[in-house]
Amino acid sequence: MTALTGSSNPAWVRALLSPWWVAPLVRLALVSAYLIGGVDKALHFDSAISEQAHFGLHPPAFWAALAIVVEIGGSLCVVVRRFTWIGVGGLGMLTAVAMLVANDFWNQTGTARFMALNSFFEHLGLIAALVLVTMLADAQPAASDSRA
């Protein structure tokens, strides 16, 4: 795994991360919530529309359909390492919209503010992890990862 070459990680960490299947499994885990969310929205489109309307996104059917395409399509881009930057860009933008619309801690107080603040920064961390996936895609060409 060329991304770990010259790493300052201990040998045992490199050994744990070096099997061919670790990177694809980690990419799948990273986007699993998006994949599940996209499939669930597709299977329950009326609920997806209601969710978008609840958060004030209009027209809600458009936003629900867009969320499905981005969640499934972007996730597949990340998992198969093709057009990773497009997939990550879409997922990152979707996550940014979600964190601004659904986690508006600045408009809340008490326990609701605490929960929204935590969720806001969890989403920010997820966006950062997605950016790292794009950076690693540049650092490690897909051709060198023949089984991923």
C-alpha atoms as a PDB file:
ATOM      1  CA  MET A   1       0.000   0.000   0.000  1.00  0.00           C
ATOM      2  CA  THR A   2       1.970   2.973  -1.255  1.00  0.00           C
ATOM      3  CA  ALA A   3       0.105   5.555   0.822  1.00  0.00           C
ATOM      4  CA  LEU A   4       1.749   4.094   3.932  1.00  0.00           C
ATOM      5  CA  THR A   5       5.292   3.933   2.545  1.00  0.00           C
ATOM      6  CA  GLY A   6       7.634   6.106   4.585  1.00  0.00           C
ATOM      7  CA  SER A   7       5.017   6.330   7.300  1.00  0.00           C
ATOM      8  CA  SER A   8       5.969   7.187  10.848  1.00  0.00           C
ATOM      9  CA  ASN A   9       3.430   4.632  12.049  1.00  0.00           C
ATOM     10  CA  PRO A  10       4.748   1.615  13.960  1.00  0.00           C
ATOM     11  CA  ALA A  11       5.311  -1.528  11.919  1.00  0.00           C
ATOM     12  CA  TRP A  12       2.369  -3.297  13.561  1.00  0.00           C
ATOM     13  CA  VAL A  13       0.001  -0.483  12.499  1.00  0.00           C
ATOM     14  CA  ARG A  14       1.318  -0.646   8.932  1.00  0.00           C
ATOM     15  CA  ALA A  15       0.841  -4.428   9.012  1.00  0.00           C
ATOM     16  CA  LEU A  16      -2.788  -4.039  10.160  1.00  0.00           C
ATOM     17  CA  LEU A  17      -3.527  -1.494   7.432  1.00  0.00           C
ATOM     18  CA  SER A  18      -1.671  -3.152   4.561  1.00  0.00           C
ATOM     19  CA  PRO A  19      -3.980  -6.018   3.455  1.00  0.00           C
ATOM     20  CA  TRP A  20      -5.606  -5.253   0.090  1.00  0.00           C
ATOM     21  CA  TRP A  21      -9.135  -5.371   1.545  1.00  0.00           C
ATOM     22  CA  VAL A  22      -8.635  -2.807   4.339  1.00  0.00           C
ATOM     23  CA  ALA A  23      -8.800   0.329   2.169  1.00  0.00           C
ATOM     24  CA  PRO A  24     -12.001  -0.676   0.312  1.00  0.00           C
ATOM     25  CA  LEU A  25     -13.615  -1.714   3.595  1.00  0.00           C
ATOM     26  CA  VAL A  26     -12.706   1.625   5.211  1.00  0.00           C
ATOM     27  CA  ARG A  27     -14.052   3.549   2.197  1.00  0.00           C
ATOM     28  CA  LEU A  28     -17.289   1.560   2.413  1.00  0.00           C
ATOM     29  CA  ALA A  29     -17.555   2.209   6.162  1.00  0.00           C
ATOM     30  CA  LEU A  30     -16.979   5.933   5.631  1.00  0.00           C
ATOM     31  CA  VAL A  31     -19.882   6.242   3.190  1.00  0.00           C
ATOM     32  CA  SER A  32     -22.153   3.585   4.730  1.00  0.00           C
ATOM     33  CA  ALA A  33     -24.539   6.117   6.281  1.00  0.00           C
ATOM     34  CA  TYR A  34     -24.910   7.840   2.902  1.00  0.00           C
ATOM     35  CA  LEU A  35     -25.529   4.542   1.091  1.00  0.00           C
ATOM     36  CA  ILE A  36     -28.114   3.402   3.628  1.00  0.00           C
ATOM     37  CA  GLY A  37     -29.725   6.846   3.674  1.00  0.00           C
ATOM     38  CA  GLY A  38     -29.901   7.045  -0.113  1.00  0.00           C
ATOM     39  CA  VAL A  39     -31.386   3.582  -0.501  1.00  0.00           C
ATOM     40  CA  ASP A  40     -33.876   4.229   2.315  1.00  0.00           C
ATOM     41  CA  LYS A  41     -34.922   7.536   0.747  1.00  0.00           C
ATOM     42  CA  ALA A  42     -35.350   5.823  -2.628  1.00  0.00           C
ATOM     43  CA  LEU A  43     -37.496   3.071  -1.106  1.00  0.00           C
ATOM     44  CA  HIS A  44     -39.565   5.550   0.941  1.00  0.00           C
ATOM     45  CA  PHE A  45     -39.644   8.568  -1.338  1.00  0.00           C
ATOM     46  CA  ASP A  46     -42.732  10.112   0.303  1.00  0.00           C
ATOM     47  CA  SER A  47     -40.892  10.154   3.636  1.00  0.00           C
ATOM     48  CA  ALA A  48     -37.820  11.634   1.954  1.00  0.00           C
ATOM     49  CA  ILE A  49     -39.991  14.431   0.562  1.00  0.00           C
ATOM     50  CA  SER A  50     -41.483  15.038   4.007  1.00  0.00           C
ATOM     51  CA  GLU A  51     -38.016  15.207   5.524  1.00  0.00           C
ATOM     52  CA  GLN A  52     -36.907  17.868   3.034  1.00  0.00           C
ATOM     53  CA  ALA A  53     -40.091  19.872   3.629  1.00  0.00           C
ATOM     54  CA  HIS A  54     -39.561  19.606   7.401  1.00  0.00           C
ATOM     55  CA  PHE A  55     -36.182  21.304   7.016  1.00  0.00           C
ATOM     56  CA  GLY A  56     -37.629  24.007   4.769  1.00  0.00           C
ATOM     57  CA  LEU A  57     -36.031  22.888   1.500  1.00  0.00           C
ATOM     58  CA  HIS A  58     -38.251  23.693  -1.485  1.00  0.00           C
ATOM     59  CA  PRO A  59     -39.284  22.122  -3.708  1.00  0.00           C
ATOM     60  CA  PRO A  60     -38.948  19.134  -1.380  1.00  0.00           C
ATOM     61  CA  ALA A  61     -39.282  16.468  -4.110  1.00  0.00           C
ATOM     62  CA  PHE A  62     -36.342  17.992  -5.986  1.00  0.00           C
ATOM     63  CA  TRP A  63     -34.168  18.032  -2.847  1.00  0.00           C
ATOM     64  CA  ALA A  64     -35.178  14.463  -1.971  1.00  0.00           C
ATOM     65  CA  ALA A  65     -34.271  13.213  -5.454  1.00  0.00           C
ATOM     66  CA  LEU A  66     -31.004  15.154  -5.401  1.00  0.00           C
ATOM     67  CA  ALA A  67     -30.127  13.697  -1.996  1.00  0.00           C
ATOM     68  CA  ILE A  68     -30.724  10.162  -3.304  1.00  0.00           C
ATOM     69  CA  VAL A  69     -28.535  10.681  -6.374  1.00  0.00           C
ATOM     70  CA  VAL A  70     -25.737  12.299  -4.365  1.00  0.00           C
ATOM     71  CA  GLU A  71     -25.848   9.802  -1.495  1.00  0.00           C
ATOM     72  CA  ILE A  72     -25.789   6.713  -3.698  1.00  0.00           C
ATOM     73  CA  GLY A  73     -23.747   8.052  -6.612  1.00  0.00           C
ATOM     74  CA  GLY A  74     -21.201   9.879  -4.461  1.00  0.00           C
ATOM     75  CA  SER A  75     -20.778   6.852  -2.224  1.00  0.00           C
ATOM     76  CA  LEU A  76     -20.150   4.567  -5.184  1.00  0.00           C
ATOM     77  CA  CYS A  77     -17.525   7.003  -6.515  1.00  0.00           C
ATOM     78  CA  VAL A  78     -15.691   6.781  -3.186  1.00  0.00           C
ATOM     79  CA  VAL A  79     -15.988   3.002  -2.834  1.00  0.00           C
ATOM     80  CA  VAL A  80     -14.817   2.163  -6.362  1.00  0.00           C
ATOM     81  CA  ARG A  81     -12.231   4.995  -6.439  1.00  0.00           C
ATOM     82  CA  ARG A  82     -13.480   6.510  -9.676  1.00  0.00           C
ATOM     83  CA  PHE A  83     -14.263  10.227  -9.857  1.00  0.00           C
ATOM     84  CA  THR A  84     -13.602  10.315  -6.125  1.00  0.00           C
ATOM     85  CA  TRP A  85     -13.391  14.103  -6.098  1.00  0.00           C
ATOM     86  CA  ILE A  86     -16.874  14.401  -7.624  1.00  0.00           C
ATOM     87  CA  GLY A  87     -18.363  11.915  -5.169  1.00  0.00           C
ATOM     88  CA  VAL A  88     -16.664  13.547  -2.205  1.00  0.00           C
ATOM     89  CA  GLY A  89     -17.628  17.005  -3.431  1.00  0.00           C
ATOM     90  CA  GLY A  90     -21.278  16.022  -3.653  1.00  0.00           C
ATOM     91  CA  LEU A  91     -21.302  14.240  -0.311  1.00  0.00           C
ATOM     92  CA  GLY A  92     -19.426  17.110   1.315  1.00  0.00           C
ATOM     93  CA  MET A  93     -21.868  19.710  -0.019  1.00  0.00           C
ATOM     94  CA  LEU A  94     -24.860  17.576   1.003  1.00  0.00           C
ATOM     95  CA  THR A  95     -23.371  17.227   4.474  1.00  0.00           C
ATOM     96  CA  ALA A  96     -22.671  20.961   4.708  1.00  0.00           C
ATOM     97  CA  VAL A  97     -26.277  21.774   3.787  1.00  0.00           C
ATOM     98  CA  ALA A  98     -27.532  19.216   6.305  1.00  0.00           C
ATOM     99  CA  MET A  99     -25.354  20.557   9.103  1.00  0.00           C
ATOM    100  CA  LEU A 100     -26.433  24.157   8.435  1.00  0.00           C
ATOM    101  CA  VAL A 101     -30.128  23.334   8.081  1.00  0.00           C
ATOM    102  CA  ALA A 102     -30.624  20.558  10.633  1.00  0.00           C
ATOM    103  CA  ASN A 103     -27.991  21.465  13.234  1.00  0.00           C
ATOM    104  CA  ASP A 104     -28.553  25.181  13.685  1.00  0.00           C
ATOM    105  CA  PHE A 105     -27.256  25.250  17.265  1.00  0.00           C
ATOM    106  CA  TRP A 106     -27.034  29.050  17.132  1.00  0.00           C
ATOM    107  CA  ASN A 107     -30.861  29.171  17.115  1.00  0.00           C
ATOM    108  CA  GLN A 108     -31.323  26.749  20.016  1.00  0.00           C
ATOM    109  CA  THR A 109     -30.899  26.640  23.778  1.00  0.00           C
ATOM    110  CA  GLY A 110     -30.351  24.065  26.491  1.00  0.00           C
ATOM    111  CA  THR A 111     -30.089  20.389  25.648  1.00  0.00           C
ATOM    112  CA  ALA A 112     -31.242  20.932  22.062  1.00  0.00           C
ATOM    113  CA  ARG A 113     -28.367  23.388  21.540  1.00  0.00           C
ATOM    114  CA  PHE A 114     -25.869  20.935  23.029  1.00  0.00           C
ATOM    115  CA  MET A 115     -27.051  18.095  20.787  1.00  0.00           C
ATOM    116  CA  ALA A 116     -27.136  20.264  17.650  1.00  0.00           C
ATOM    117  CA  LEU A 117     -23.649  21.642  18.410  1.00  0.00           C
ATOM    118  CA  ASN A 118     -22.231  18.125  18.759  1.00  0.00           C
ATOM    119  CA  SER A 119     -23.930  16.949  15.579  1.00  0.00           C
ATOM    120  CA  PHE A 120     -22.735  20.041  13.700  1.00  0.00           C
ATOM    121  CA  PHE A 121     -19.105  19.302  14.518  1.00  0.00           C
ATOM    122  CA  GLU A 122     -19.518  15.574  13.868  1.00  0.00           C
ATOM    123  CA  HIS A 123     -20.685  16.508  10.367  1.00  0.00           C
ATOM    124  CA  LEU A 124     -17.733  18.862  10.003  1.00  0.00           C
ATOM    125  CA  GLY A 125     -15.405  15.983  10.938  1.00  0.00           C
ATOM    126  CA  LEU A 126     -17.097  13.775   8.364  1.00  0.00           C
ATOM    127  CA  ILE A 127     -16.502  16.406   5.690  1.00  0.00           C
ATOM    128  CA  ALA A 128     -12.826  16.496   6.730  1.00  0.00           C
ATOM    129  CA  ALA A 129     -12.610  12.698   6.450  1.00  0.00           C
ATOM    130  CA  LEU A 130     -14.106  12.889   2.961  1.00  0.00           C
ATOM    131  CA  VAL A 131     -11.514  15.503   1.984  1.00  0.00           C
ATOM    132  CA  LEU A 132      -8.777  13.172   3.238  1.00  0.00           C
ATOM    133  CA  VAL A 133     -10.180  10.417   0.987  1.00  0.00           C
ATOM    134  CA  THR A 134      -9.722  12.727  -1.988  1.00  0.00           C
ATOM    135  CA  MET A 135      -6.187  13.611  -0.897  1.00  0.00           C
ATOM    136  CA  LEU A 136      -5.324   9.911  -0.522  1.00  0.00           C
ATOM    137  CA  ALA A 137      -6.782   9.188  -3.956  1.00  0.00           C
ATOM    138  CA  ASP A 138      -4.196  11.611  -5.369  1.00  0.00           C
ATOM    139  CA  ALA A 139      -1.397  10.176  -3.229  1.00  0.00           C
ATOM    140  CA  GLN A 140      -2.166   6.595  -4.235  1.00  0.00           C
ATOM    141  CA  PRO A 141      -3.234   6.084  -7.857  1.00  0.00           C
ATOM    142  CA  ALA A 142      -5.958   3.513  -8.375  1.00  0.00           C
ATOM    143  CA  ALA A 143      -3.671   1.553 -10.720  1.00  0.00           C
ATOM    144  CA  SER A 144      -1.384   0.722  -7.783  1.00  0.00           C
ATOM    145  CA  ASP A 145      -4.341  -0.666  -5.828  1.00  0.00           C
ATOM    146  CA  SER A 146      -5.293  -3.333  -8.367  1.00  0.00           C
ATOM    147  CA  ARG A 147      -7.730  -5.198  -6.124  1.00  0.00           C
ATOM    148  CA  ALA A 148      -9.520  -2.190  -4.603  1.00  0.00           C
END
